[in-house]
Amino acid sequence: MHDLNLSLPDDYEKEPELPIPSIDDQKKIVAELKRLEEAGELTPEILHAFMTGERLPE
């Protein structure tokens, strides 16, 4: 068995963990992403904003 060095570098900054959205909020997020995709407005930046919690459905 190999001994793997899985330690992180000292200068590694861990991103804060986001709370998991409620089921209702998850459904709203999926609906908004589908709407944006169908409208041709879903960009990598918008997807990133939803995945990082920077953007939430109205």
Protein backbone atom coordinates (compact mmCIF):
# COMPACT_ATOMS: atom_id res chain seq x y z
CA MET A 1 0.00 0.00 0.00
CA HIS A 2 1.29 3.43 -0.92
CA ASP A 3 1.48 6.26 1.56
CA LEU A 4 -0.13 9.18 -0.22
CA ASN A 5 0.71 12.71 0.83
CA LEU A 6 -2.69 14.40 0.77
CA SER A 7 -1.77 17.46 2.80
CA LEU A 8 -2.65 20.90 1.49
CA PRO A 9 -0.07 23.61 0.89
CA ASP A 10 0.32 26.12 3.71
CA ASP A 11 -0.96 28.96 1.53
CA TYR A 12 -4.10 27.07 0.50
CA GLU A 13 -7.27 29.05 1.25
CA LYS A 14 -10.35 26.92 1.69
CA GLU A 15 -13.56 28.41 0.37
CA PRO A 16 -16.30 28.72 2.97
CA GLU A 17 -18.88 25.95 2.89
CA LEU A 18 -22.29 27.04 1.69
CA PRO A 19 -25.47 25.92 3.40
CA ILE A 20 -27.50 23.45 1.34
CA PRO A 21 -30.59 25.17 -0.07
CA SER A 22 -33.99 23.84 0.97
CA ILE A 23 -35.79 21.49 -1.43
CA ASP A 24 -38.08 24.35 -2.49
CA ASP A 25 -35.09 26.60 -3.19
CA GLN A 26 -33.37 23.79 -5.10
CA LYS A 27 -36.47 23.42 -7.29
CA LYS A 28 -36.49 27.20 -7.91
CA ILE A 29 -32.81 27.13 -8.85
CA VAL A 30 -33.33 24.25 -11.29
CA ALA A 31 -36.36 25.97 -12.84
CA GLU A 32 -34.41 29.22 -13.25
CA LEU A 33 -31.42 27.44 -14.79
CA LYS A 34 -33.73 25.60 -17.22
CA ARG A 35 -35.46 28.88 -18.13
CA LEU A 36 -32.13 30.60 -18.74
CA GLU A 37 -30.89 27.66 -20.81
CA GLU A 38 -34.03 27.60 -22.98
CA ALA A 39 -33.74 31.37 -23.51
CA GLY A 40 -30.10 30.94 -24.52
CA GLU A 41 -29.03 33.14 -21.59
CA LEU A 42 -27.23 30.56 -19.45
CA THR A 43 -23.56 31.50 -19.38
CA PRO A 44 -20.71 29.91 -17.43
CA GLU A 45 -20.65 33.06 -15.27
CA ILE A 46 -24.34 32.76 -14.37
CA LEU A 47 -23.96 29.04 -13.63
CA HIS A 48 -20.95 29.80 -11.42
CA ALA A 49 -22.95 32.47 -9.56
CA PHE A 50 -25.72 29.97 -8.76
CA MET A 51 -23.25 27.26 -7.70
CA THR A 52 -21.35 29.58 -5.37
CA GLY A 53 -24.44 31.17 -3.81
CA GLU A 54 -23.64 34.57 -5.30
CA ARG A 55 -26.95 34.44 -7.12
CA LEU A 56 -30.19 33.02 -5.82
CA PRO A 57 -33.57 32.68 -7.55
CA GLU A 58 -36.03 35.50 -6.96
